[in-house]
């Protein structure tokens, strides 16, 4: 993992096509290391999540090239490597696991990020109809130890069609349902990092199962 962080750090300082092309072989080695690591993560997590047993690293990774067409930032390359591991691959509607590798900003977590309006409504109804089940997930000691609570991304007022005094009303305001656990560069480069990522992903599984009950019922 040290080679991955080192390349990304150098890329951040030299985010231009000339430097990238001169270091293309180095990038390809990084990419191969990333795929190898992800396949190990998937294999480890699939032991407790059958939904991802048929997923490969190729289904999960993102391109390093940035879409700069509508951005003021014209840097051509991302300075991180990310992967979404979920049933159906990274473009599916299912909630899933997310691993973000970036010098000084690595984290592992996941959930459901900015779901489409129909799916968001279905998730909110799932919480509304089963508030205690959702609360039990968020208050589980293993969940709290790894993530604390959901990341803040919510409406100021109750969403349409839900009473202001509904149980879990503050959670019904969320627009995304995601969590994350941060890692230092030293932790990322430690041999135990693979194990820690797998353990982190296992801790999120009850939340993913709850959120994924709504997929298919969002019409």
N, C-alpha and C. Protein backbone atom coordinates (compact mmCIF):
# COMPACT_ATOMS: atom_id res chain seq x y z
N UNK A 1 0.82 -1.21 0.00
CA UNK A 1 0.00 0.00 0.00
C UNK A 1 0.86 1.27 0.00
N UNK A 2 2.09 1.13 0.49
CA UNK A 2 2.98 2.29 0.50
C UNK A 2 3.21 2.82 -0.91
N UNK A 3 3.34 1.92 -1.89
CA UNK A 3 3.56 2.34 -3.28
C UNK A 3 2.36 3.11 -3.82
N UNK A 4 1.16 2.70 -3.42
CA UNK A 4 -0.04 3.40 -3.88
C UNK A 4 -0.08 4.81 -3.31
N UNK A 5 0.13 4.95 -2.01
CA UNK A 5 0.10 6.27 -1.39
C UNK A 5 1.21 7.16 -1.93
N UNK A 6 2.37 6.58 -2.18
CA UNK A 6 3.50 7.36 -2.70
C UNK A 6 3.18 7.91 -4.09
N UNK A 7 2.61 7.07 -4.95
CA UNK A 7 2.26 7.53 -6.29
C UNK A 7 1.22 8.63 -6.22
N UNK A 8 0.19 8.46 -5.40
CA UNK A 8 -0.87 9.46 -5.31
C UNK A 8 -0.35 10.78 -4.77
N UNK A 9 0.58 10.71 -3.84
CA UNK A 9 1.19 11.93 -3.31
C UNK A 9 1.98 12.66 -4.39
N UNK A 10 2.74 11.91 -5.17
CA UNK A 10 3.50 12.52 -6.27
C UNK A 10 2.57 13.08 -7.35
N UNK A 11 1.48 12.37 -7.61
CA UNK A 11 0.52 12.84 -8.61
C UNK A 11 -0.12 14.15 -8.18
N UNK A 12 -0.42 14.27 -6.90
CA UNK A 12 -1.02 15.51 -6.40
C UNK A 12 -0.09 16.70 -6.64
N UNK A 13 1.21 16.48 -6.53
CA UNK A 13 2.19 17.55 -6.75
C UNK A 13 2.49 17.78 -8.22
N UNK A 14 2.07 16.84 -9.07
CA UNK A 14 2.39 16.92 -10.51
C UNK A 14 1.18 16.51 -11.34
N UNK A 15 0.05 17.17 -11.10
CA UNK A 15 -1.19 16.74 -11.74
C UNK A 15 -1.29 17.31 -13.16
N UNK A 16 -0.54 16.70 -14.06
CA UNK A 16 -0.56 17.12 -15.46
C UNK A 16 -0.28 15.90 -16.33
N UNK A 17 -0.65 16.01 -17.60
CA UNK A 17 -0.56 14.85 -18.50
C UNK A 17 0.89 14.45 -18.79
N UNK A 18 1.78 15.42 -18.89
CA UNK A 18 3.18 15.08 -19.19
C UNK A 18 3.77 14.21 -18.08
N UNK A 19 3.55 14.61 -16.83
CA UNK A 19 4.10 13.82 -15.72
C UNK A 19 3.44 12.44 -15.68
N UNK A 20 2.11 12.41 -15.86
CA UNK A 20 1.40 11.14 -15.78
C UNK A 20 1.88 10.18 -16.87
N UNK A 21 2.02 10.68 -18.08
CA UNK A 21 2.48 9.82 -19.17
C UNK A 21 3.89 9.30 -18.93
N UNK A 22 4.73 10.13 -18.33
CA UNK A 22 6.10 9.70 -18.02
C UNK A 22 6.14 8.66 -16.91
N UNK A 23 5.06 8.61 -16.12
CA UNK A 23 4.98 7.67 -14.99
C UNK A 23 3.86 6.64 -15.19
N UNK A 24 3.51 6.40 -16.45
CA UNK A 24 2.39 5.50 -16.75
C UNK A 24 2.65 4.08 -16.24
N UNK A 25 3.87 3.60 -16.40
CA UNK A 25 4.18 2.24 -15.92
C UNK A 25 4.02 2.15 -14.41
N UNK A 26 4.40 3.19 -13.73
CA UNK A 26 4.23 3.23 -12.27
C UNK A 26 2.75 3.19 -11.91
N UNK A 27 1.94 3.93 -12.66
CA UNK A 27 0.50 3.91 -12.42
C UNK A 27 -0.08 2.53 -12.66
N UNK A 28 0.34 1.87 -13.71
CA UNK A 28 -0.18 0.53 -14.01
C UNK A 28 0.18 -0.46 -12.90
N UNK A 29 1.34 -0.30 -12.29
CA UNK A 29 1.70 -1.15 -11.16
C UNK A 29 0.80 -0.85 -9.97
N UNK A 30 0.52 0.44 -9.74
CA UNK A 30 -0.42 0.83 -8.68
C UNK A 30 -1.79 0.20 -8.91
N UNK A 31 -2.25 0.28 -10.14
CA UNK A 31 -3.57 -0.26 -10.48
C UNK A 31 -3.64 -1.75 -10.22
N UNK A 32 -2.58 -2.47 -10.56
CA UNK A 32 -2.54 -3.92 -10.33
C UNK A 32 -2.54 -4.23 -8.84
N UNK A 33 -1.80 -3.46 -8.05
CA UNK A 33 -1.78 -3.65 -6.60
C UNK A 33 -3.16 -3.39 -6.00
N UNK A 34 -3.82 -2.36 -6.51
CA UNK A 34 -5.15 -2.00 -6.02
C UNK A 34 -6.15 -3.12 -6.30
N UNK A 35 -6.13 -3.65 -7.51
CA UNK A 35 -7.02 -4.75 -7.88
C UNK A 35 -6.75 -5.98 -7.02
N UNK A 36 -5.49 -6.30 -6.82
CA UNK A 36 -5.13 -7.45 -6.00
C UNK A 36 -5.65 -7.29 -4.57
N UNK A 37 -5.50 -6.10 -4.02
CA UNK A 37 -5.97 -5.84 -2.66
C UNK A 37 -7.49 -5.94 -2.59
N UNK A 38 -8.18 -5.36 -3.56
CA UNK A 38 -9.65 -5.40 -3.56
C UNK A 38 -10.18 -6.82 -3.67
N UNK A 39 -9.54 -7.64 -4.49
CA UNK A 39 -9.99 -9.03 -4.61
C UNK A 39 -9.87 -9.75 -3.27
N UNK A 40 -8.83 -9.43 -2.51
CA UNK A 40 -8.68 -10.02 -1.18
C UNK A 40 -9.77 -9.52 -0.23
N UNK A 41 -10.08 -8.24 -0.32
CA UNK A 41 -11.15 -7.68 0.51
C UNK A 41 -12.48 -8.35 0.18
N UNK A 42 -12.79 -8.44 -1.11
CA UNK A 42 -14.06 -9.05 -1.53
C UNK A 42 -14.14 -10.49 -1.05
N UNK A 43 -13.06 -11.23 -1.20
CA UNK A 43 -13.05 -12.63 -0.75
C UNK A 43 -13.31 -12.71 0.75
N UNK A 44 -12.70 -11.81 1.52
CA UNK A 44 -12.89 -11.84 2.96
C UNK A 44 -14.29 -11.45 3.39
N UNK A 45 -14.85 -10.42 2.76
CA UNK A 45 -16.18 -9.94 3.14
C UNK A 45 -17.27 -10.87 2.64
N UNK A 46 -17.05 -11.51 1.50
CA UNK A 46 -18.06 -12.41 0.92
C UNK A 46 -18.37 -13.59 1.82
N UNK A 47 -17.47 -13.91 2.75
CA UNK A 47 -17.73 -15.01 3.68
C UNK A 47 -18.94 -14.73 4.55
N UNK A 48 -19.26 -13.45 4.75
CA UNK A 48 -20.43 -13.08 5.56
C UNK A 48 -21.46 -12.29 4.78
N UNK A 49 -21.24 -12.09 3.48
CA UNK A 49 -22.18 -11.37 2.63
C UNK A 49 -22.23 -12.04 1.26
N UNK A 50 -23.17 -12.94 1.09
CA UNK A 50 -23.26 -13.71 -0.15
C UNK A 50 -23.62 -12.85 -1.36
N UNK A 51 -24.13 -11.63 -1.13
CA UNK A 51 -24.51 -10.76 -2.23
C UNK A 51 -23.33 -10.35 -3.10
N UNK A 52 -22.12 -10.42 -2.55
CA UNK A 52 -20.96 -9.97 -3.33
C UNK A 52 -20.04 -11.12 -3.73
N UNK A 53 -20.49 -12.34 -3.59
CA UNK A 53 -19.64 -13.48 -3.89
C UNK A 53 -19.20 -13.53 -5.35
N UNK A 54 -20.01 -13.01 -6.25
CA UNK A 54 -19.69 -13.06 -7.67
C UNK A 54 -19.05 -11.76 -8.18
N UNK A 55 -18.82 -10.81 -7.27
CA UNK A 55 -18.23 -9.53 -7.65
C UNK A 55 -16.71 -9.65 -7.74
N UNK A 56 -16.13 -8.97 -8.72
CA UNK A 56 -14.67 -8.89 -8.83
C UNK A 56 -14.24 -7.43 -8.70
N UNK A 57 -12.96 -7.21 -8.52
CA UNK A 57 -12.44 -5.85 -8.39
C UNK A 57 -12.78 -5.01 -9.62
N UNK A 58 -12.81 -5.63 -10.79
CA UNK A 58 -13.12 -4.90 -12.02
C UNK A 58 -14.53 -4.31 -12.00
N UNK A 59 -15.43 -4.90 -11.22
CA UNK A 59 -16.80 -4.39 -11.11
C UNK A 59 -16.90 -3.19 -10.18
N UNK A 60 -15.83 -2.88 -9.46
CA UNK A 60 -15.91 -1.96 -8.33
C UNK A 60 -15.11 -0.68 -8.49
N UNK A 61 -14.10 -0.68 -9.33
CA UNK A 61 -13.15 0.44 -9.36
C UNK A 61 -13.61 1.58 -10.27
N UNK A 62 -13.04 2.75 -10.02
CA UNK A 62 -13.33 3.95 -10.81
C UNK A 62 -12.10 4.34 -11.63
N UNK A 63 -12.34 5.03 -12.73
CA UNK A 63 -11.25 5.55 -13.55
C UNK A 63 -10.51 6.65 -12.79
N UNK A 64 -9.23 6.80 -13.06
CA UNK A 64 -8.45 7.85 -12.41
C UNK A 64 -8.61 9.19 -13.12
N UNK A 65 -9.18 9.17 -14.31
CA UNK A 65 -9.33 10.39 -15.10
C UNK A 65 -10.55 11.18 -14.63
N UNK A 66 -10.37 12.47 -14.40
CA UNK A 66 -11.46 13.33 -13.95
C UNK A 66 -12.26 13.85 -15.14
N UNK A 67 -13.56 14.04 -14.94
CA UNK A 67 -14.40 14.72 -15.91
C UNK A 67 -14.36 16.21 -15.58
N UNK A 68 -13.65 16.97 -16.37
CA UNK A 68 -13.43 18.39 -16.05
C UNK A 68 -14.32 19.32 -16.88
N UNK A 69 -15.26 18.77 -17.61
CA UNK A 69 -16.05 19.59 -18.53
C UNK A 69 -16.81 20.70 -17.82
N UNK A 70 -17.35 20.42 -16.65
CA UNK A 70 -18.18 21.41 -15.95
C UNK A 70 -17.55 21.82 -14.61
N UNK A 71 -16.25 21.66 -14.50
CA UNK A 71 -15.56 21.95 -13.25
C UNK A 71 -14.56 23.08 -13.43
N UNK A 72 -14.46 23.94 -12.42
CA UNK A 72 -13.44 24.99 -12.45
C UNK A 72 -12.05 24.39 -12.23
N UNK A 73 -12.01 23.26 -11.54
CA UNK A 73 -10.74 22.55 -11.32
C UNK A 73 -10.43 21.71 -12.56
N UNK A 74 -9.42 22.08 -13.29
CA UNK A 74 -9.10 21.41 -14.55
C UNK A 74 -7.98 20.36 -14.40
N UNK A 75 -7.63 20.01 -13.17
CA UNK A 75 -6.66 18.93 -12.98
C UNK A 75 -7.19 17.66 -13.65
N UNK A 76 -6.40 17.02 -14.49
CA UNK A 76 -6.92 15.90 -15.29
C UNK A 76 -7.08 14.58 -14.53
N UNK A 77 -6.47 14.47 -13.34
CA UNK A 77 -6.46 13.17 -12.66
C UNK A 77 -6.94 13.29 -11.22
N UNK A 78 -7.61 12.25 -10.77
CA UNK A 78 -7.97 12.14 -9.36
C UNK A 78 -6.71 11.82 -8.56
N UNK A 79 -6.65 12.31 -7.34
CA UNK A 79 -5.49 12.02 -6.48
C UNK A 79 -5.88 11.03 -5.39
N UNK A 80 -6.84 10.21 -5.69
CA UNK A 80 -7.25 9.11 -4.81
C UNK A 80 -7.67 7.94 -5.68
N UNK A 81 -7.76 6.77 -5.09
CA UNK A 81 -8.37 5.63 -5.77
C UNK A 81 -9.50 5.11 -4.89
N UNK A 82 -10.66 4.94 -5.49
CA UNK A 82 -11.83 4.51 -4.75
C UNK A 82 -12.45 3.28 -5.38
N UNK A 83 -13.25 2.60 -4.58
CA UNK A 83 -13.95 1.41 -5.07
C UNK A 83 -15.25 1.24 -4.29
N UNK A 84 -16.31 0.94 -5.02
CA UNK A 84 -17.60 0.60 -4.41
C UNK A 84 -17.86 -0.88 -4.64
N UNK A 85 -18.03 -1.61 -3.56
CA UNK A 85 -18.27 -3.05 -3.63
C UNK A 85 -19.72 -3.30 -3.26
N UNK A 86 -20.52 -3.74 -4.22
CA UNK A 86 -21.93 -4.00 -3.93
C UNK A 86 -22.53 -4.93 -4.98
N UNK A 87 -23.61 -5.53 -4.60
CA UNK A 87 -24.34 -6.42 -5.50
C UNK A 87 -24.66 -5.69 -6.80
N UNK A 88 -24.34 -6.31 -7.92
CA UNK A 88 -24.62 -5.70 -9.21
C UNK A 88 -23.54 -4.76 -9.71
N UNK A 89 -22.47 -4.57 -8.94
CA UNK A 89 -21.40 -3.69 -9.38
C UNK A 89 -21.61 -2.25 -8.95
N UNK A 90 -20.63 -1.40 -9.25
CA UNK A 90 -20.61 -0.05 -8.71
C UNK A 90 -21.77 0.82 -9.19
N UNK A 91 -22.38 0.50 -10.33
CA UNK A 91 -23.45 1.35 -10.87
C UNK A 91 -24.84 0.90 -10.45
N UNK A 92 -24.95 -0.13 -9.64
CA UNK A 92 -26.26 -0.62 -9.24
C UNK A 92 -26.87 0.28 -8.17
N UNK A 93 -28.14 0.04 -7.84
CA UNK A 93 -28.84 0.84 -6.84
C UNK A 93 -28.63 0.33 -5.41
N UNK A 94 -27.99 -0.79 -5.26
CA UNK A 94 -27.84 -1.37 -3.93
C UNK A 94 -26.85 -0.57 -3.07
N UNK A 95 -27.14 -0.51 -1.78
CA UNK A 95 -26.16 0.03 -0.84
C UNK A 95 -24.96 -0.89 -0.80
N UNK A 96 -23.78 -0.33 -0.52
CA UNK A 96 -22.59 -1.17 -0.55
C UNK A 96 -21.46 -0.61 0.27
N UNK A 97 -20.31 -1.24 0.11
CA UNK A 97 -19.09 -0.88 0.82
C UNK A 97 -18.27 0.09 -0.03
N UNK A 98 -17.57 1.00 0.63
CA UNK A 98 -16.73 1.95 -0.10
C UNK A 98 -15.35 2.03 0.55
N UNK A 99 -14.31 1.93 -0.27
CA UNK A 99 -12.94 2.07 0.20
C UNK A 99 -12.27 3.20 -0.58
N UNK A 100 -11.76 4.17 0.16
CA UNK A 100 -11.15 5.37 -0.42
C UNK A 100 -9.71 5.44 0.04
N UNK A 101 -8.77 5.36 -0.90
CA UNK A 101 -7.35 5.44 -0.58
C UNK A 101 -6.81 6.79 -1.05
N UNK A 102 -6.28 7.56 -0.11
CA UNK A 102 -5.74 8.88 -0.42
C UNK A 102 -4.77 9.27 0.70
N UNK A 103 -3.59 9.77 0.36
CA UNK A 103 -2.65 10.16 1.41
C UNK A 103 -3.29 11.13 2.40
N UNK A 104 -3.29 10.76 3.67
CA UNK A 104 -3.86 11.61 4.71
C UNK A 104 -5.36 11.62 4.79
N UNK A 105 -6.05 10.85 3.96
CA UNK A 105 -7.52 10.92 3.94
C UNK A 105 -8.16 9.58 3.57
N UNK A 106 -7.54 8.48 3.95
CA UNK A 106 -8.09 7.16 3.65
C UNK A 106 -9.23 6.84 4.60
N UNK A 107 -10.29 6.24 4.06
CA UNK A 107 -11.37 5.77 4.92
C UNK A 107 -12.07 4.58 4.28
N UNK A 108 -12.72 3.80 5.13
CA UNK A 108 -13.54 2.66 4.69
C UNK A 108 -14.91 2.81 5.32
N UNK A 109 -15.93 2.47 4.56
CA UNK A 109 -17.29 2.59 5.08
C UNK A 109 -18.28 2.18 4.02
N UNK A 110 -19.31 2.99 3.85
CA UNK A 110 -20.29 2.69 2.82
C UNK A 110 -21.68 3.09 3.23
N UNK A 111 -22.66 2.49 2.57
CA UNK A 111 -24.06 2.82 2.80
C UNK A 111 -24.75 3.12 1.49
N UNK A 112 -25.63 4.12 1.53
CA UNK A 112 -26.37 4.54 0.34
C UNK A 112 -26.16 6.03 0.17
N UNK A 113 -25.39 6.42 -0.86
CA UNK A 113 -25.04 7.82 -1.07
C UNK A 113 -25.95 8.45 -2.12
N UNK A 114 -26.66 9.50 -1.72
CA UNK A 114 -27.52 10.27 -2.60
C UNK A 114 -28.39 9.39 -3.50
N UNK A 115 -29.24 8.55 -2.91
CA UNK A 115 -30.10 7.69 -3.74
C UNK A 115 -31.09 8.52 -4.55
N UNK A 116 -31.56 7.96 -5.64
CA UNK A 116 -32.57 8.61 -6.47
C UNK A 116 -33.82 8.87 -5.63
N UNK A 117 -34.63 9.88 -6.00
CA UNK A 117 -35.79 10.25 -5.18
C UNK A 117 -36.70 9.08 -4.82
N UNK A 118 -36.98 8.19 -5.76
CA UNK A 118 -37.89 7.07 -5.48
C UNK A 118 -37.29 6.13 -4.45
N UNK A 119 -35.99 5.86 -4.57
CA UNK A 119 -35.33 4.97 -3.61
C UNK A 119 -35.19 5.64 -2.26
N UNK A 120 -34.89 6.92 -2.24
CA UNK A 120 -34.80 7.65 -0.97
C UNK A 120 -36.14 7.62 -0.24
N UNK A 121 -37.22 7.79 -0.97
CA UNK A 121 -38.55 7.73 -0.36
C UNK A 121 -38.81 6.34 0.22
N UNK A 122 -38.42 5.30 -0.51
CA UNK A 122 -38.62 3.94 -0.03
C UNK A 122 -37.81 3.66 1.23
N UNK A 123 -36.58 4.17 1.28
CA UNK A 123 -35.75 3.99 2.48
C UNK A 123 -36.39 4.70 3.66
N UNK A 124 -36.87 5.91 3.43
CA UNK A 124 -37.52 6.65 4.52
C UNK A 124 -38.74 5.92 5.04
N UNK A 125 -39.53 5.33 4.15
CA UNK A 125 -40.69 4.57 4.61
C UNK A 125 -40.26 3.33 5.39
N UNK A 126 -39.15 2.73 4.99
CA UNK A 126 -38.64 1.56 5.73
C UNK A 126 -38.27 1.97 7.16
N UNK A 127 -37.62 3.13 7.29
CA UNK A 127 -37.27 3.63 8.63
C UNK A 127 -38.53 4.00 9.41
N UNK A 128 -39.47 4.64 8.74
CA UNK A 128 -40.72 5.07 9.38
C UNK A 128 -41.51 3.87 9.90
N UNK A 129 -41.54 2.80 9.12
CA UNK A 129 -42.31 1.61 9.50
C UNK A 129 -41.57 0.71 10.49
N UNK A 130 -40.24 0.82 10.54
CA UNK A 130 -39.45 -0.04 11.44
C UNK A 130 -38.43 0.79 12.21
N UNK A 131 -38.89 1.78 12.97
CA UNK A 131 -37.95 2.69 13.63
C UNK A 131 -37.04 2.00 14.64
N UNK A 132 -37.58 1.02 15.37
CA UNK A 132 -36.76 0.37 16.38
C UNK A 132 -35.66 -0.48 15.74
N UNK A 133 -35.99 -1.14 14.64
CA UNK A 133 -34.98 -1.94 13.93
C UNK A 133 -33.82 -1.06 13.49
N UNK A 134 -34.16 0.13 12.96
CA UNK A 134 -33.12 1.04 12.49
C UNK A 134 -32.31 1.58 13.66
N UNK A 135 -32.99 1.92 14.75
CA UNK A 135 -32.29 2.42 15.93
C UNK A 135 -31.36 1.37 16.52
N UNK A 136 -31.80 0.12 16.52
CA UNK A 136 -30.96 -0.96 17.05
C UNK A 136 -29.66 -1.09 16.26
N UNK A 137 -29.73 -0.89 14.95
CA UNK A 137 -28.53 -0.96 14.11
C UNK A 137 -27.57 0.17 14.47
N UNK A 138 -28.11 1.38 14.59
CA UNK A 138 -27.26 2.55 14.83
C UNK A 138 -26.67 2.57 16.23
N UNK A 139 -27.33 1.91 17.17
CA UNK A 139 -26.85 1.91 18.56
C UNK A 139 -26.06 0.66 18.93
N UNK A 140 -25.90 -0.26 17.99
CA UNK A 140 -25.12 -1.47 18.27
C UNK A 140 -23.68 -1.07 18.61
N UNK A 141 -23.12 -1.64 19.68
CA UNK A 141 -21.77 -1.25 20.11
C UNK A 141 -20.70 -1.41 19.03
N UNK A 142 -20.79 -2.46 18.22
CA UNK A 142 -19.80 -2.66 17.16
C UNK A 142 -19.91 -1.56 16.11
N UNK A 143 -21.13 -1.19 15.77
CA UNK A 143 -21.36 -0.12 14.80
C UNK A 143 -20.82 1.20 15.35
N UNK A 144 -21.16 1.51 16.58
CA UNK A 144 -20.74 2.77 17.20
C UNK A 144 -19.22 2.84 17.31
N UNK A 145 -18.59 1.73 17.68
CA UNK A 145 -17.13 1.71 17.82
C UNK A 145 -16.44 2.02 16.49
N UNK A 146 -16.97 1.50 15.40
CA UNK A 146 -16.34 1.69 14.09
C UNK A 146 -16.68 3.02 13.44
N UNK A 147 -17.93 3.47 13.60
CA UNK A 147 -18.39 4.60 12.80
C UNK A 147 -18.94 5.78 13.60
N UNK A 148 -19.31 5.56 14.84
CA UNK A 148 -19.97 6.63 15.59
C UNK A 148 -21.42 6.72 15.19
N UNK A 149 -21.71 7.50 14.17
CA UNK A 149 -23.07 7.65 13.69
C UNK A 149 -23.05 7.93 12.19
N UNK A 150 -24.23 8.14 11.62
CA UNK A 150 -24.32 8.45 10.19
C UNK A 150 -23.66 9.80 9.91
N UNK A 151 -23.11 9.92 8.72
CA UNK A 151 -22.54 11.20 8.31
C UNK A 151 -23.66 12.20 8.03
N UNK A 152 -23.46 13.43 8.47
CA UNK A 152 -24.50 14.45 8.35
C UNK A 152 -24.71 14.85 6.89
N UNK A 153 -25.90 14.68 6.41
CA UNK A 153 -26.31 15.13 5.08
C UNK A 153 -27.83 15.09 5.07
N UNK A 154 -28.45 16.16 5.59
CA UNK A 154 -29.88 16.06 5.88
C UNK A 154 -30.62 17.36 5.58
N UNK A 155 -31.93 17.22 5.47
CA UNK A 155 -32.82 18.35 5.29
C UNK A 155 -32.94 19.12 6.61
N UNK A 156 -33.33 20.38 6.51
CA UNK A 156 -33.59 21.16 7.72
C UNK A 156 -34.99 20.90 8.26
N UNK A 157 -35.90 20.53 7.38
CA UNK A 157 -37.29 20.29 7.78
C UNK A 157 -37.66 18.84 7.46
N UNK A 158 -38.73 18.33 8.09
CA UNK A 158 -39.16 16.96 7.80
C UNK A 158 -39.49 16.80 6.32
N UNK A 159 -39.19 15.66 5.74
CA UNK A 159 -39.50 15.44 4.33
C UNK A 159 -41.00 15.37 4.10
N UNK A 160 -41.40 15.66 2.89
CA UNK A 160 -42.80 15.61 2.51
C UNK A 160 -43.38 14.22 2.77
N UNK A 161 -44.63 14.18 3.23
CA UNK A 161 -45.39 12.95 3.47
C UNK A 161 -45.07 12.29 4.81
N UNK A 162 -44.22 12.93 5.63
CA UNK A 162 -43.92 12.35 6.94
C UNK A 162 -44.25 13.36 8.04
N UNK A 163 -44.95 12.91 9.10
CA UNK A 163 -45.31 13.83 10.18
C UNK A 163 -44.08 14.30 10.95
N UNK A 164 -44.14 15.53 11.44
CA UNK A 164 -43.00 16.11 12.14
C UNK A 164 -42.70 15.41 13.45
N UNK A 165 -43.69 14.70 14.01
CA UNK A 165 -43.47 14.01 15.28
C UNK A 165 -43.24 12.51 15.10
N UNK A 166 -42.90 12.10 13.89
CA UNK A 166 -42.67 10.68 13.63
C UNK A 166 -41.44 10.19 14.39
N UNK A 167 -41.47 8.92 14.84
CA UNK A 167 -40.25 8.35 15.45
C UNK A 167 -39.09 8.43 14.44
N UNK A 168 -37.91 8.68 14.95
CA UNK A 168 -36.71 8.77 14.10
C UNK A 168 -36.81 9.90 13.08
N UNK A 169 -37.57 10.96 13.40
CA UNK A 169 -37.78 12.02 12.42
C UNK A 169 -36.45 12.64 11.96
N UNK A 170 -35.48 12.75 12.86
CA UNK A 170 -34.20 13.33 12.46
C UNK A 170 -33.50 12.46 11.41
N UNK A 171 -33.68 11.16 11.51
CA UNK A 171 -33.07 10.27 10.53
C UNK A 171 -33.87 10.23 9.22
N UNK A 172 -35.14 10.54 9.29
CA UNK A 172 -35.93 10.64 8.06
C UNK A 172 -35.52 11.85 7.22
N UNK A 173 -34.84 12.80 7.84
CA UNK A 173 -34.38 13.99 7.13
C UNK A 173 -33.13 13.72 6.29
N UNK A 174 -32.47 12.60 6.52
CA UNK A 174 -31.22 12.33 5.81
C UNK A 174 -31.46 12.18 4.31
N UNK A 175 -30.51 12.72 3.53
CA UNK A 175 -30.53 12.56 2.06
C UNK A 175 -29.60 11.45 1.62
N UNK A 176 -28.64 11.10 2.46
CA UNK A 176 -27.74 9.96 2.27
C UNK A 176 -27.66 9.20 3.58
N UNK A 177 -27.30 7.93 3.48
CA UNK A 177 -27.17 7.10 4.68
C UNK A 177 -25.81 6.41 4.59
N UNK A 178 -24.77 7.13 5.01
CA UNK A 178 -23.41 6.63 4.86
C UNK A 178 -22.63 6.76 6.17
N UNK A 179 -21.63 5.92 6.30
CA UNK A 179 -20.73 5.96 7.45
C UNK A 179 -19.30 5.76 6.95
N UNK A 180 -18.34 6.11 7.79
CA UNK A 180 -16.94 5.91 7.41
C UNK A 180 -16.04 5.82 8.62
N UNK A 181 -14.97 5.09 8.46
CA UNK A 181 -13.93 4.96 9.48
C UNK A 181 -12.61 5.40 8.85
N UNK A 182 -11.95 6.37 9.46
CA UNK A 182 -10.71 6.91 8.91
C UNK A 182 -9.50 6.08 9.31
N UNK A 183 -8.49 6.10 8.44
CA UNK A 183 -7.22 5.41 8.70
C UNK A 183 -6.07 6.37 8.42
N UNK A 184 -5.05 6.33 9.27
CA UNK A 184 -3.84 7.11 9.02
C UNK A 184 -3.01 6.42 7.94
N UNK A 185 -2.07 7.15 7.37
CA UNK A 185 -1.18 6.54 6.39
C UNK A 185 -0.40 5.38 7.00
N UNK A 186 -0.02 5.53 8.25
CA UNK A 186 0.71 4.46 8.93
C UNK A 186 -0.14 3.19 9.04
N UNK A 187 -1.42 3.36 9.33
CA UNK A 187 -2.32 2.20 9.40
C UNK A 187 -2.50 1.56 8.03
N UNK A 188 -2.59 2.38 6.99
CA UNK A 188 -2.76 1.86 5.64
C UNK A 188 -1.56 1.02 5.22
N UNK A 189 -0.38 1.43 5.61
CA UNK A 189 0.84 0.72 5.22
C UNK A 189 1.15 -0.48 6.11
N UNK A 190 0.39 -0.64 7.18
CA UNK A 190 0.59 -1.77 8.09
C UNK A 190 0.01 -3.04 7.48
N UNK A 191 0.64 -4.17 7.78
CA UNK A 191 0.16 -5.46 7.24
C UNK A 191 -1.26 -5.79 7.70
N UNK A 192 -1.70 -5.18 8.81
CA UNK A 192 -3.02 -5.48 9.35
C UNK A 192 -4.14 -4.71 8.64
N UNK A 193 -3.79 -3.85 7.67
CA UNK A 193 -4.80 -3.01 7.04
C UNK A 193 -5.88 -3.83 6.35
N UNK A 194 -5.50 -4.88 5.65
CA UNK A 194 -6.49 -5.74 4.99
C UNK A 194 -7.50 -6.27 5.99
N UNK A 195 -7.02 -6.79 7.09
CA UNK A 195 -7.90 -7.32 8.14
C UNK A 195 -8.81 -6.22 8.67
N UNK A 196 -8.27 -5.02 8.90
CA UNK A 196 -9.07 -3.93 9.46
C UNK A 196 -10.16 -3.48 8.49
N UNK A 197 -9.87 -3.48 7.20
CA UNK A 197 -10.90 -3.12 6.22
C UNK A 197 -12.02 -4.15 6.22
N UNK A 198 -11.67 -5.42 6.26
CA UNK A 198 -12.68 -6.48 6.28
C UNK A 198 -13.55 -6.38 7.53
N UNK A 199 -12.93 -6.17 8.68
CA UNK A 199 -13.67 -6.03 9.93
C UNK A 199 -14.60 -4.81 9.87
N UNK A 200 -14.10 -3.72 9.30
CA UNK A 200 -14.91 -2.51 9.16
C UNK A 200 -16.13 -2.77 8.28
N UNK A 201 -15.93 -3.45 7.17
CA UNK A 201 -17.04 -3.76 6.27
C UNK A 201 -18.05 -4.71 6.92
N UNK A 202 -17.56 -5.64 7.72
CA UNK A 202 -18.48 -6.54 8.42
C UNK A 202 -19.36 -5.76 9.39
N UNK A 203 -18.81 -4.70 9.99
CA UNK A 203 -19.56 -3.90 10.95
C UNK A 203 -20.70 -3.12 10.30
N UNK A 204 -20.60 -2.88 9.01
CA UNK A 204 -21.63 -2.11 8.31
C UNK A 204 -22.74 -2.99 7.73
N UNK A 205 -22.57 -4.28 7.75
CA UNK A 205 -23.51 -5.18 7.09
C UNK A 205 -24.96 -5.07 7.58
N UNK A 206 -25.23 -4.93 8.88
CA UNK A 206 -26.63 -4.77 9.29
C UNK A 206 -27.29 -3.54 8.67
N UNK A 207 -26.53 -2.44 8.55
CA UNK A 207 -27.07 -1.23 7.91
C UNK A 207 -27.35 -1.48 6.44
N UNK A 208 -26.43 -2.14 5.75
CA UNK A 208 -26.63 -2.42 4.32
C UNK A 208 -27.85 -3.30 4.10
N UNK A 209 -28.01 -4.31 4.93
CA UNK A 209 -29.18 -5.20 4.78
C UNK A 209 -30.47 -4.42 4.96
N UNK A 210 -30.50 -3.51 5.93
CA UNK A 210 -31.70 -2.71 6.16
C UNK A 210 -31.98 -1.82 4.95
N UNK A 211 -30.97 -1.10 4.48
CA UNK A 211 -31.15 -0.19 3.36
C UNK A 211 -31.55 -0.93 2.09
N UNK A 212 -31.01 -2.11 1.89
CA UNK A 212 -31.27 -2.85 0.65
C UNK A 212 -32.64 -3.51 0.62
N UNK A 213 -33.34 -3.50 1.74
CA UNK A 213 -34.73 -3.97 1.72
C UNK A 213 -35.59 -3.07 0.83
N UNK A 214 -35.15 -1.83 0.63
CA UNK A 214 -35.94 -0.86 -0.13
C UNK A 214 -35.69 -0.94 -1.63
N UNK A 215 -34.60 -1.56 -2.05
CA UNK A 215 -34.31 -1.69 -3.48
C UNK A 215 -35.32 -2.66 -4.10
N UNK A 216 -35.96 -2.22 -5.17
CA UNK A 216 -37.01 -3.04 -5.77
C UNK A 216 -38.40 -2.63 -5.33
N UNK A 217 -38.46 -1.78 -4.30
CA UNK A 217 -39.75 -1.29 -3.82
C UNK A 217 -39.79 0.24 -3.88
N UNK A 218 -39.07 0.79 -4.84
CA UNK A 218 -38.92 2.24 -4.91
C UNK A 218 -39.72 2.87 -6.04
N UNK A 219 -40.61 2.10 -6.65
CA UNK A 219 -41.41 2.67 -7.74
C UNK A 219 -42.66 3.34 -7.19
